[in-house]
Amino acid sequence: MRDLTRGGFVRILNELSISSGKKIVIDKNAIPIPSGVESVSEILGINPLYLVCEDIAVITCNSEVESELLAFLKNIGHSPFKAGIVGKNTQRPLVSLRTKAGAERVMPMLIEELTHRIC
């Protein structure tokens, strides 16, 4: 489990991919990016998946317990969690994004920080 205040979604996934030795394929349609964030990112020419952000966590688990974990997260009291499955892992370390059109695009780890860390 990692929070996105330390590098952004794609950086976290690349670190997880490298440490696990697995390929991670994320689904663009399953990632809840607010339309305002997407619009401003497009104007600035940046990819919002690389931005650091608060109140977001990446949780990885074994596929045998994913539905149980997802149900647990969605049913925590009055929690504002918007839990969902946005990807799966396969072989070899790599992160790729399945676009809305169904194509797959490699999402490399950036060499430089796109924005400053929040904390």
C-alpha atoms as a PDB file:
ATOM      1  CA  MET A   1       0.000   0.000   0.000  1.00  0.00           C
ATOM      2  CA  ARG A   2       1.410   3.390  -1.011  1.00  0.00           C
ATOM      3  CA  ASP A   3       0.053   6.922  -1.034  1.00  0.00           C
ATOM      4  CA  LEU A   4       0.462   9.239  -4.013  1.00  0.00           C
ATOM      5  CA  THR A   5       1.921  12.197  -2.112  1.00  0.00           C
ATOM      6  CA  ARG A   6       5.362  10.725  -2.841  1.00  0.00           C
ATOM      7  CA  GLY A   7       5.658  10.599  -6.595  1.00  0.00           C
ATOM      8  CA  GLY A   8       2.340  10.157  -8.369  1.00  0.00           C
ATOM      9  CA  PHE A   9       0.419   7.144  -9.630  1.00  0.00           C
ATOM     10  CA  VAL A  10       2.730   6.005 -12.438  1.00  0.00           C
ATOM     11  CA  ARG A  11       5.884   6.426 -10.332  1.00  0.00           C
ATOM     12  CA  ILE A  12       4.359   4.297  -7.541  1.00  0.00           C
ATOM     13  CA  LEU A  13       3.312   1.637 -10.058  1.00  0.00           C
ATOM     14  CA  ASN A  14       6.776   1.597 -11.647  1.00  0.00           C
ATOM     15  CA  GLU A  15       8.385   1.159  -8.222  1.00  0.00           C
ATOM     16  CA  LEU A  16       5.960  -1.684  -7.430  1.00  0.00           C
ATOM     17  CA  SER A  17       6.595  -3.266 -10.833  1.00  0.00           C
ATOM     18  CA  ILE A  18      10.367  -3.166 -10.361  1.00  0.00           C
ATOM     19  CA  SER A  19      10.248  -4.512  -6.791  1.00  0.00           C
ATOM     20  CA  SER A  20       7.817  -7.330  -7.674  1.00  0.00           C
ATOM     21  CA  GLY A  21       9.284  -8.153 -11.089  1.00  0.00           C
ATOM     22  CA  LYS A  22       5.758  -8.015 -12.577  1.00  0.00           C
ATOM     23  CA  LYS A  23       4.219  -6.061 -15.436  1.00  0.00           C
ATOM     24  CA  ILE A  24       1.305  -3.854 -14.367  1.00  0.00           C
ATOM     25  CA  VAL A  25      -1.374  -3.004 -16.920  1.00  0.00           C
ATOM     26  CA  ILE A  26      -3.733  -0.203 -15.892  1.00  0.00           C
ATOM     27  CA  ASP A  27      -7.057   0.592 -17.530  1.00  0.00           C
ATOM     28  CA  LYS A  28      -7.540   4.283 -18.417  1.00  0.00           C
ATOM     29  CA  ASN A  29     -11.329   3.865 -18.223  1.00  0.00           C
ATOM     30  CA  ALA A  30     -11.104   2.637 -14.606  1.00  0.00           C
ATOM     31  CA  ILE A  31      -9.043   5.568 -13.282  1.00  0.00           C
ATOM     32  CA  PRO A  32     -11.287   8.256 -11.742  1.00  0.00           C
ATOM     33  CA  ILE A  33      -9.590  11.485 -12.846  1.00  0.00           C
ATOM     34  CA  PRO A  34     -11.807  14.542 -12.224  1.00  0.00           C
ATOM     35  CA  SER A  35     -12.654  16.326 -15.473  1.00  0.00           C
ATOM     36  CA  GLY A  36     -11.182  19.603 -14.176  1.00  0.00           C
ATOM     37  CA  VAL A  37      -7.846  17.936 -13.476  1.00  0.00           C
ATOM     38  CA  GLU A  38      -7.850  16.315 -16.902  1.00  0.00           C
ATOM     39  CA  SER A  39      -8.679  19.633 -18.618  1.00  0.00           C
ATOM     40  CA  VAL A  40      -6.013  21.669 -16.811  1.00  0.00           C
ATOM     41  CA  SER A  41      -3.432  18.923 -17.352  1.00  0.00           C
ATOM     42  CA  GLU A  42      -4.189  18.934 -21.074  1.00  0.00           C
ATOM     43  CA  ILE A  43      -3.800  22.725 -21.232  1.00  0.00           C
ATOM     44  CA  LEU A  44      -0.450  22.500 -19.403  1.00  0.00           C
ATOM     45  CA  GLY A  45       0.705  19.543 -21.501  1.00  0.00           C
ATOM     46  CA  ILE A  46       1.213  17.194 -18.557  1.00  0.00           C
ATOM     47  CA  ASN A  47      -0.097  13.720 -17.820  1.00  0.00           C
ATOM     48  CA  PRO A  48      -2.230  13.699 -14.629  1.00  0.00           C
ATOM     49  CA  LEU A  49      -1.146  10.112 -13.889  1.00  0.00           C
ATOM     50  CA  TYR A  50       2.305  11.489 -13.011  1.00  0.00           C
ATOM     51  CA  LEU A  51       1.034  14.161 -10.608  1.00  0.00           C
ATOM     52  CA  VAL A  52       1.404  13.825  -6.851  1.00  0.00           C
ATOM     53  CA  CYS A  53      -1.897  14.070  -5.028  1.00  0.00           C
ATOM     54  CA  GLU A  54      -3.390  13.737  -1.569  1.00  0.00           C
ATOM     55  CA  ASP A  55      -6.055  11.346  -0.295  1.00  0.00           C
ATOM     56  CA  ILE A  56      -5.255   8.645  -2.848  1.00  0.00           C
ATOM     57  CA  ALA A  57      -3.649   5.276  -2.165  1.00  0.00           C
ATOM     58  CA  VAL A  58      -2.519   2.359  -4.305  1.00  0.00           C
ATOM     59  CA  ILE A  59      -3.199  -0.977  -2.677  1.00  0.00           C
ATOM     60  CA  THR A  60      -1.937  -4.170  -4.239  1.00  0.00           C
ATOM     61  CA  CYS A  61      -3.171  -7.602  -3.263  1.00  0.00           C
ATOM     62  CA  ASN A  62      -3.388 -11.180  -4.409  1.00  0.00           C
ATOM     63  CA  SER A  63      -6.193 -11.705  -6.954  1.00  0.00           C
ATOM     64  CA  GLU A  64      -7.726 -14.330  -4.645  1.00  0.00           C
ATOM     65  CA  VAL A  65      -8.641 -11.644  -2.076  1.00  0.00           C
ATOM     66  CA  GLU A  66      -9.265  -8.642  -4.346  1.00  0.00           C
ATOM     67  CA  SER A  67     -13.078  -8.838  -4.272  1.00  0.00           C
ATOM     68  CA  GLU A  68     -13.090  -9.229  -0.473  1.00  0.00           C
ATOM     69  CA  LEU A  69     -10.701  -6.268  -0.040  1.00  0.00           C
ATOM     70  CA  LEU A  70     -12.703  -4.139  -2.472  1.00  0.00           C
ATOM     71  CA  ALA A  71     -15.962  -4.901  -0.624  1.00  0.00           C
ATOM     72  CA  PHE A  72     -14.292  -4.070   2.695  1.00  0.00           C
ATOM     73  CA  LEU A  73     -12.996  -0.714   1.431  1.00  0.00           C
ATOM     74  CA  LYS A  74     -16.358   0.242  -0.074  1.00  0.00           C
ATOM     75  CA  ASN A  75     -18.191  -0.563   3.180  1.00  0.00           C
ATOM     76  CA  ILE A  76     -16.050   1.294   5.729  1.00  0.00           C
ATOM     77  CA  GLY A  77     -18.541   3.341   7.767  1.00  0.00           C
ATOM     78  CA  HIS A  78     -19.213   6.715   6.208  1.00  0.00           C
ATOM     79  CA  SER A  79     -15.954   6.642   4.324  1.00  0.00           C
ATOM     80  CA  PRO A  80     -15.554   8.708   1.151  1.00  0.00           C
ATOM     81  CA  PHE A  81     -13.533   5.862  -0.435  1.00  0.00           C
ATOM     82  CA  LYS A  82     -14.063   5.370  -4.154  1.00  0.00           C
ATOM     83  CA  ALA A  83     -12.318   2.025  -4.267  1.00  0.00           C
ATOM     84  CA  GLY A  84     -11.937   0.211  -7.562  1.00  0.00           C
ATOM     85  CA  ILE A  85      -9.702  -2.090  -9.543  1.00  0.00           C
ATOM     86  CA  VAL A  86      -7.692  -0.141 -12.116  1.00  0.00           C
ATOM     87  CA  GLY A  87      -5.238  -2.779 -13.277  1.00  0.00           C
ATOM     88  CA  LYS A  88      -3.696  -6.234 -13.114  1.00  0.00           C
ATOM     89  CA  ASN A  89      -0.137  -7.480 -13.036  1.00  0.00           C
ATOM     90  CA  THR A  90       1.487  -9.965 -15.386  1.00  0.00           C
ATOM     91  CA  GLN A  91       5.105 -11.012 -16.075  1.00  0.00           C
ATOM     92  CA  ARG A  92       8.257  -8.792 -16.358  1.00  0.00           C
ATOM     93  CA  PRO A  93       8.632  -5.360 -14.723  1.00  0.00           C
ATOM     94  CA  LEU A  94       6.847  -2.702 -16.774  1.00  0.00           C
ATOM     95  CA  VAL A  95       3.856  -0.386 -16.421  1.00  0.00           C
ATOM     96  CA  SER A  96       1.512   0.160 -19.335  1.00  0.00           C
ATOM     97  CA  LEU A  97      -1.800   1.932 -19.809  1.00  0.00           C
ATOM     98  CA  ARG A  98      -4.677   0.459 -21.774  1.00  0.00           C
ATOM     99  CA  THR A  99      -6.224   3.508 -23.462  1.00  0.00           C
ATOM    100  CA  LYS A 100      -9.926   4.179 -23.986  1.00  0.00           C
ATOM    101  CA  ALA A 101      -9.448   2.963 -27.568  1.00  0.00           C
ATOM    102  CA  GLY A 102      -7.947  -0.324 -26.333  1.00  0.00           C
ATOM    103  CA  ALA A 103      -4.322   0.320 -27.315  1.00  0.00           C
ATOM    104  CA  GLU A 104      -1.526  -0.276 -24.798  1.00  0.00           C
ATOM    105  CA  ARG A 105       1.058   2.449 -24.084  1.00  0.00           C
ATOM    106  CA  VAL A 106       4.186   2.093 -21.903  1.00  0.00           C
ATOM    107  CA  MET A 107       4.237   4.495 -18.926  1.00  0.00           C
ATOM    108  CA  PRO A 108       7.925   4.936 -17.971  1.00  0.00           C
ATOM    109  CA  MET A 109       9.116   6.332 -14.662  1.00  0.00           C
ATOM    110  CA  LEU A 110      10.063   9.983 -15.083  1.00  0.00           C
ATOM    111  CA  ILE A 111      13.710  10.870 -14.454  1.00  0.00           C
ATOM    112  CA  GLU A 112      12.776  14.227 -12.940  1.00  0.00           C
ATOM    113  CA  GLU A 113       9.886  15.107 -10.652  1.00  0.00           C
ATOM    114  CA  LEU A 114       6.960  16.590 -12.621  1.00  0.00           C
ATOM    115  CA  THR A 115       5.833  18.560  -9.573  1.00  0.00           C
ATOM    116  CA  HIS A 116       7.208  19.026  -6.080  1.00  0.00           C
ATOM    117  CA  ARG A 117       6.356  16.538  -3.365  1.00  0.00           C
ATOM    118  CA  ILE A 118       3.445  17.479  -1.152  1.00  0.00           C
ATOM    119  CA  CYS A 119       5.088  16.408   2.085  1.00  0.00           C
END
